[in-house]
Every structure is written in structure tokens, then in C-alpha cells.
């Protein structure tokens, strides 16, 4: 990510950020043995990870208003990466030209 940031490569930054969220959510679900994920849909992975950690906004350990709001915001940020990545990011074998190619010099 540092290299992409240094190159101002927005596509790589967004793509890598989404991949990081996927990896963390999958690791949480795997380590807690909470659910067997049979989907590749990021929002389902994020929800499952929050359920495994008892962090669903308004439930369990997040009943306090400010904590619930922070947790909901974290979920929204993570889930927003998918459509943003589809619009401007790298991933699924997509090759981005233009600024990304020029940055490689």
C-alpha cells in the first residue's frame, strides 16, 4: 500500500484496502469458527466477522450509543470499498492504464 500511496495510485489503494478487509474478516471468521462462509460477498463476510466478535451495532457489547455508531460506521466504510473498487480500483485481473502505468515509469 505504501508504494501505491507514493505513486498516488488510487486504484491500487482501493483494491488493496478491500483485500485487507476481506483478509481480516475471513481470519476472524476462521479463527472463531463462527460460520462457514460459502460466499465471496464482502458485506456478508463483514457481518459475519462482527457477529463473531459480538459487535453488531445495538446488540451485545455494542449497545452503548456511541460504540454502536462507531461500529456501524466501520461496517459502512468496509462495505463501501466494494463498489468503489469496482469503479476505480484494481482487482479481478483488471489492468489500469494511465496514471498507474506512467507511475511505473
Foldseek 3Di string as FASTA:
>chain_A
DVLCVVLVQVQAVLVVLLVVLQVVLVVQCVVLVQDDDPDPQSLVSLVSSCVSVQNAQCGDPRVPPVSSVVSVVVSVVNNVSVVVSVVRHDDPPDDDDDSVPVSVD
